């Protein structure tokens, strides 16, 4: 198995939508109801609008043996806008590789902090990487309320420590 990171390409659009939909549908079931997950997935109903959100940010793709398996986006050099892994690729370190790359890019671009609005499912991932909770949110989407948590990580001058999963 070969894992590589690369920038988003327009030909990745359909794969990213599939990763997003599969990830929300399968990986968040313990934290969100079926109706909430359907509302969350509605963000990709307008494929052009979804792709526009992806392309407005610095978006990286993690591939496994050349096939897109995860993606992450950095907005305004400090906000993690997207971080999704296809359920078939969970446990291979893709989210960690993508996040580490985003953090390095944020540091190199002069960011003093990183922020994220983490789903309840992703909360432990970001806590493990040094993010602290700032506030709980309720987001209204497609007739449903979804909870998430605004989190922040202060970036220091030195490189981040690699912590085991």
C-alpha atoms as a PDB file:
ATOM      1  CA  UNK A   1       0.000   0.000   0.000  1.00  0.00           C
ATOM      2  CA  UNK A   2       1.371   3.388  -1.042  1.00  0.00           C
ATOM      3  CA  UNK A   3      -0.010   6.549   0.585  1.00  0.00           C
ATOM      4  CA  UNK A   4       0.693   9.890  -1.070  1.00  0.00           C
ATOM      5  CA  UNK A   5      -0.537  13.440  -0.529  1.00  0.00           C
ATOM      6  CA  UNK A   6      -1.115  15.802  -3.400  1.00  0.00           C
ATOM      7  CA  UNK A   7      -3.067  18.957  -4.227  1.00  0.00           C
ATOM      8  CA  UNK A   8      -6.704  18.758  -5.306  1.00  0.00           C
ATOM      9  CA  UNK A   9      -7.259  18.409  -9.062  1.00  0.00           C
ATOM     10  CA  UNK A  10     -10.553  19.166 -10.864  1.00  0.00           C
ATOM     11  CA  UNK A  11     -10.744  15.480 -11.844  1.00  0.00           C
ATOM     12  CA  UNK A  12     -11.053  14.655  -8.094  1.00  0.00           C
ATOM     13  CA  UNK A  13     -14.494  16.279  -7.722  1.00  0.00           C
ATOM     14  CA  UNK A  14     -16.619  13.125  -7.935  1.00  0.00           C
ATOM     15  CA  UNK A  15     -14.241  11.169  -5.674  1.00  0.00           C
ATOM     16  CA  UNK A  16     -14.344  13.897  -3.006  1.00  0.00           C
ATOM     17  CA  UNK A  17     -18.134  13.940  -3.022  1.00  0.00           C
ATOM     18  CA  UNK A  18     -18.131  10.150  -2.638  1.00  0.00           C
ATOM     19  CA  UNK A  19     -15.619  10.336   0.247  1.00  0.00           C
ATOM     20  CA  UNK A  20     -17.688  13.050   1.952  1.00  0.00           C
ATOM     21  CA  UNK A  21     -21.014  11.205   1.581  1.00  0.00           C
ATOM     22  CA  UNK A  22     -19.630   7.798   2.584  1.00  0.00           C
ATOM     23  CA  UNK A  23     -17.778   9.245   5.560  1.00  0.00           C
ATOM     24  CA  UNK A  24     -20.801  11.088   6.943  1.00  0.00           C
ATOM     25  CA  UNK A  25     -23.176   8.203   6.307  1.00  0.00           C
ATOM     26  CA  UNK A  26     -21.026   5.434   7.777  1.00  0.00           C
ATOM     27  CA  UNK A  27     -18.634   6.991  10.288  1.00  0.00           C
ATOM     28  CA  UNK A  28     -20.899   9.378  12.195  1.00  0.00           C
ATOM     29  CA  UNK A  29     -23.824   7.036  12.974  1.00  0.00           C
ATOM     30  CA  UNK A  30     -22.880   6.741  16.670  1.00  0.00           C
ATOM     31  CA  UNK A  31     -23.108  10.513  17.133  1.00  0.00           C
ATOM     32  CA  UNK A  32     -25.840  11.682  14.742  1.00  0.00           C
ATOM     33  CA  UNK A  33     -29.284  10.366  13.811  1.00  0.00           C
ATOM     34  CA  UNK A  34     -30.135   9.195  10.314  1.00  0.00           C
ATOM     35  CA  UNK A  35     -32.066  12.437   9.727  1.00  0.00           C
ATOM     36  CA  UNK A  36     -29.110  14.525  10.901  1.00  0.00           C
ATOM     37  CA  UNK A  37     -26.698  12.611   8.666  1.00  0.00           C
ATOM     38  CA  UNK A  38     -29.024  13.062   5.681  1.00  0.00           C
ATOM     39  CA  UNK A  39     -29.180  16.799   6.397  1.00  0.00           C
ATOM     40  CA  UNK A  40     -25.370  16.936   6.681  1.00  0.00           C
ATOM     41  CA  UNK A  41     -24.976  15.042   3.388  1.00  0.00           C
ATOM     42  CA  UNK A  42     -27.302  17.543   1.695  1.00  0.00           C
ATOM     43  CA  UNK A  43     -24.278  19.871   1.582  1.00  0.00           C
ATOM     44  CA  UNK A  44     -23.185  17.861  -1.472  1.00  0.00           C
ATOM     45  CA  UNK A  45     -26.599  17.872  -3.183  1.00  0.00           C
ATOM     46  CA  UNK A  46     -25.463  20.818  -5.311  1.00  0.00           C
ATOM     47  CA  UNK A  47     -22.242  19.284  -6.592  1.00  0.00           C
ATOM     48  CA  UNK A  48     -21.027  22.519  -8.182  1.00  0.00           C
ATOM     49  CA  UNK A  49     -21.452  24.463  -4.929  1.00  0.00           C
ATOM     50  CA  UNK A  50     -19.714  21.715  -2.953  1.00  0.00           C
ATOM     51  CA  UNK A  51     -16.763  21.648  -5.366  1.00  0.00           C
ATOM     52  CA  UNK A  52     -16.586  25.452  -5.255  1.00  0.00           C
ATOM     53  CA  UNK A  53     -16.197  25.291  -1.443  1.00  0.00           C
ATOM     54  CA  UNK A  54     -13.400  22.758  -1.866  1.00  0.00           C
ATOM     55  CA  UNK A  55     -11.560  24.764  -4.531  1.00  0.00           C
ATOM     56  CA  UNK A  56     -11.768  28.052  -2.594  1.00  0.00           C
ATOM     57  CA  UNK A  57      -9.476  26.508   0.025  1.00  0.00           C
ATOM     58  CA  UNK A  58      -6.095  24.840  -0.033  1.00  0.00           C
ATOM     59  CA  UNK A  59      -7.232  21.241  -0.454  1.00  0.00           C
ATOM     60  CA  UNK A  60      -5.038  18.168  -0.202  1.00  0.00           C
ATOM     61  CA  UNK A  61      -5.916  14.651  -1.310  1.00  0.00           C
ATOM     62  CA  UNK A  62      -4.570  11.487   0.312  1.00  0.00           C
ATOM     63  CA  UNK A  63      -4.369   8.646  -2.162  1.00  0.00           C
ATOM     64  CA  UNK A  64      -3.940   4.951  -1.478  1.00  0.00           C
ATOM     65  CA  UNK A  65      -2.290   3.194  -4.399  1.00  0.00           C
ATOM     66  CA  UNK A  66      -3.158   6.191  -6.574  1.00  0.00           C
ATOM     67  CA  UNK A  67      -6.866   6.377  -5.682  1.00  0.00           C
ATOM     68  CA  UNK A  68      -8.309   9.277  -3.619  1.00  0.00           C
ATOM     69  CA  UNK A  69      -9.203   7.989  -0.139  1.00  0.00           C
ATOM     70  CA  UNK A  70      -9.332  11.135   2.019  1.00  0.00           C
ATOM     71  CA  UNK A  71      -9.172  14.909   1.743  1.00  0.00           C
ATOM     72  CA  UNK A  72      -8.643  17.964   3.890  1.00  0.00           C
ATOM     73  CA  UNK A  73      -8.901  21.711   3.296  1.00  0.00           C
ATOM     74  CA  UNK A  74      -7.330  24.729   4.939  1.00  0.00           C
ATOM     75  CA  UNK A  75      -9.300  27.974   4.739  1.00  0.00           C
ATOM     76  CA  UNK A  76      -7.619  31.370   5.228  1.00  0.00           C
ATOM     77  CA  UNK A  77      -4.380  29.598   6.248  1.00  0.00           C
ATOM     78  CA  UNK A  78      -5.749  28.602   9.665  1.00  0.00           C
ATOM     79  CA  UNK A  79      -9.205  26.996   9.586  1.00  0.00           C
ATOM     80  CA  UNK A  80      -9.622  23.266   8.905  1.00  0.00           C
ATOM     81  CA  UNK A  81     -12.665  23.419   6.649  1.00  0.00           C
ATOM     82  CA  UNK A  82     -12.834  19.733   5.641  1.00  0.00           C
ATOM     83  CA  UNK A  83     -11.224  16.522   6.883  1.00  0.00           C
ATOM     84  CA  UNK A  84     -12.910  13.350   5.618  1.00  0.00           C
ATOM     85  CA  UNK A  85     -11.687   9.783   5.177  1.00  0.00           C
ATOM     86  CA  UNK A  86     -13.491   7.133   3.154  1.00  0.00           C
ATOM     87  CA  UNK A  87     -14.750   4.395   5.533  1.00  0.00           C
ATOM     88  CA  UNK A  88     -12.796   1.770   3.600  1.00  0.00           C
ATOM     89  CA  UNK A  89      -9.550   3.589   4.414  1.00  0.00           C
ATOM     90  CA  UNK A  90     -10.065   4.337   8.110  1.00  0.00           C
ATOM     91  CA  UNK A  91      -7.207   3.301  10.376  1.00  0.00           C
ATOM     92  CA  UNK A  92      -4.443   3.805   7.818  1.00  0.00           C
ATOM     93  CA  UNK A  93      -3.286   7.169   9.183  1.00  0.00           C
ATOM     94  CA  UNK A  94      -4.681   9.240   6.324  1.00  0.00           C
ATOM     95  CA  UNK A  95      -6.338  11.861   8.543  1.00  0.00           C
ATOM     96  CA  UNK A  96      -3.119  12.219  10.526  1.00  0.00           C
ATOM     97  CA  UNK A  97      -1.018  12.646   7.372  1.00  0.00           C
ATOM     98  CA  UNK A  98      -3.432  15.228   5.991  1.00  0.00           C
ATOM     99  CA  UNK A  99      -3.703  17.157   9.250  1.00  0.00           C
ATOM    100  CA  UNK A 100       0.079  17.210   9.755  1.00  0.00           C
ATOM    101  CA  UNK A 101       0.486  18.620   6.240  1.00  0.00           C
ATOM    102  CA  UNK A 102      -2.166  21.305   6.868  1.00  0.00           C
ATOM    103  CA  UNK A 103      -0.508  22.262  10.157  1.00  0.00           C
ATOM    104  CA  UNK A 104       2.884  22.566   8.467  1.00  0.00           C
ATOM    105  CA  UNK A 105       1.370  24.721   5.720  1.00  0.00           C
ATOM    106  CA  UNK A 106      -0.389  26.927   8.283  1.00  0.00           C
ATOM    107  CA  UNK A 107       2.880  27.422  10.196  1.00  0.00           C
ATOM    108  CA  UNK A 108       4.823  28.162   7.011  1.00  0.00           C
ATOM    109  CA  UNK A 109       2.222  30.755   6.040  1.00  0.00           C
ATOM    110  CA  UNK A 110       2.587  32.529   9.381  1.00  0.00           C
ATOM    111  CA  UNK A 111      -0.539  31.320  11.165  1.00  0.00           C
ATOM    112  CA  UNK A 112      -0.415  31.673  14.951  1.00  0.00           C
ATOM    113  CA  UNK A 113      -3.348  29.321  15.509  1.00  0.00           C
ATOM    114  CA  UNK A 114      -5.550  26.761  13.799  1.00  0.00           C
ATOM    115  CA  UNK A 115      -9.294  26.454  14.222  1.00  0.00           C
ATOM    116  CA  UNK A 116     -11.904  23.844  13.389  1.00  0.00           C
ATOM    117  CA  UNK A 117     -15.613  23.286  13.897  1.00  0.00           C
ATOM    118  CA  UNK A 118     -15.340  19.604  14.787  1.00  0.00           C
ATOM    119  CA  UNK A 119     -18.192  17.145  14.588  1.00  0.00           C
ATOM    120  CA  UNK A 120     -18.809  15.070  17.696  1.00  0.00           C
ATOM    121  CA  UNK A 121     -17.227  12.179  15.790  1.00  0.00           C
ATOM    122  CA  UNK A 122     -14.037  14.136  15.014  1.00  0.00           C
ATOM    123  CA  UNK A 123     -13.693  15.763  18.443  1.00  0.00           C
ATOM    124  CA  UNK A 124     -11.281  13.149  19.893  1.00  0.00           C
ATOM    125  CA  UNK A 125      -9.056  13.364  16.779  1.00  0.00           C
ATOM    126  CA  UNK A 126      -8.582  17.111  17.227  1.00  0.00           C
ATOM    127  CA  UNK A 127      -8.242  16.927  21.029  1.00  0.00           C
ATOM    128  CA  UNK A 128      -5.424  14.418  20.533  1.00  0.00           C
ATOM    129  CA  UNK A 129      -3.662  16.968  18.322  1.00  0.00           C
ATOM    130  CA  UNK A 130      -3.715  19.732  20.912  1.00  0.00           C
ATOM    131  CA  UNK A 131      -6.948  21.529  20.060  1.00  0.00           C
ATOM    132  CA  UNK A 132      -8.991  22.924  22.936  1.00  0.00           C
ATOM    133  CA  UNK A 133     -12.741  23.437  23.002  1.00  0.00           C
ATOM    134  CA  UNK A 134     -13.944  27.029  22.685  1.00  0.00           C
ATOM    135  CA  UNK A 135     -17.710  26.637  22.305  1.00  0.00           C
ATOM    136  CA  UNK A 136     -20.478  24.226  21.382  1.00  0.00           C
ATOM    137  CA  UNK A 137     -22.564  25.067  18.331  1.00  0.00           C
ATOM    138  CA  UNK A 138     -25.880  24.025  16.854  1.00  0.00           C
ATOM    139  CA  UNK A 139     -25.921  24.271  13.076  1.00  0.00           C
ATOM    140  CA  UNK A 140     -29.253  24.238  11.232  1.00  0.00           C
ATOM    141  CA  UNK A 141     -29.078  22.335   7.975  1.00  0.00           C
ATOM    142  CA  UNK A 142     -31.924  21.011   5.842  1.00  0.00           C
ATOM    143  CA  UNK A 143     -34.419  21.138   8.705  1.00  0.00           C
ATOM    144  CA  UNK A 144     -32.175  19.439  11.262  1.00  0.00           C
ATOM    145  CA  UNK A 145     -29.940  20.713  14.068  1.00  0.00           C
ATOM    146  CA  UNK A 146     -26.400  19.319  14.133  1.00  0.00           C
ATOM    147  CA  UNK A 147     -24.013  19.830  17.040  1.00  0.00           C
ATOM    148  CA  UNK A 148     -20.340  20.608  16.608  1.00  0.00           C
ATOM    149  CA  UNK A 149     -17.583  22.213  18.652  1.00  0.00           C
ATOM    150  CA  UNK A 150     -15.426  25.192  17.749  1.00  0.00           C
ATOM    151  CA  UNK A 151     -11.862  24.331  18.702  1.00  0.00           C
ATOM    152  CA  UNK A 152      -8.531  26.126  18.561  1.00  0.00           C
ATOM    153  CA  UNK A 153      -4.867  25.170  18.644  1.00  0.00           C
ATOM    154  CA  UNK A 154      -2.113  27.685  19.292  1.00  0.00           C
ATOM    155  CA  UNK A 155       0.819  27.174  16.956  1.00  0.00           C
ATOM    156  CA  UNK A 156       4.276  27.596  18.411  1.00  0.00           C
ATOM    157  CA  UNK A 157       7.498  28.179  16.517  1.00  0.00           C
ATOM    158  CA  UNK A 158       8.696  24.600  16.843  1.00  0.00           C
ATOM    159  CA  UNK A 159       7.410  21.724  14.784  1.00  0.00           C
ATOM    160  CA  UNK A 160       4.586  19.629  16.254  1.00  0.00           C
ATOM    161  CA  UNK A 161       5.397  16.451  18.121  1.00  0.00           C
ATOM    162  CA  UNK A 162       4.435  13.210  16.453  1.00  0.00           C
ATOM    163  CA  UNK A 163       2.127  11.399  18.829  1.00  0.00           C
ATOM    164  CA  UNK A 164       1.138   7.788  18.372  1.00  0.00           C
ATOM    165  CA  UNK A 165      -2.499   7.139  17.535  1.00  0.00           C
END
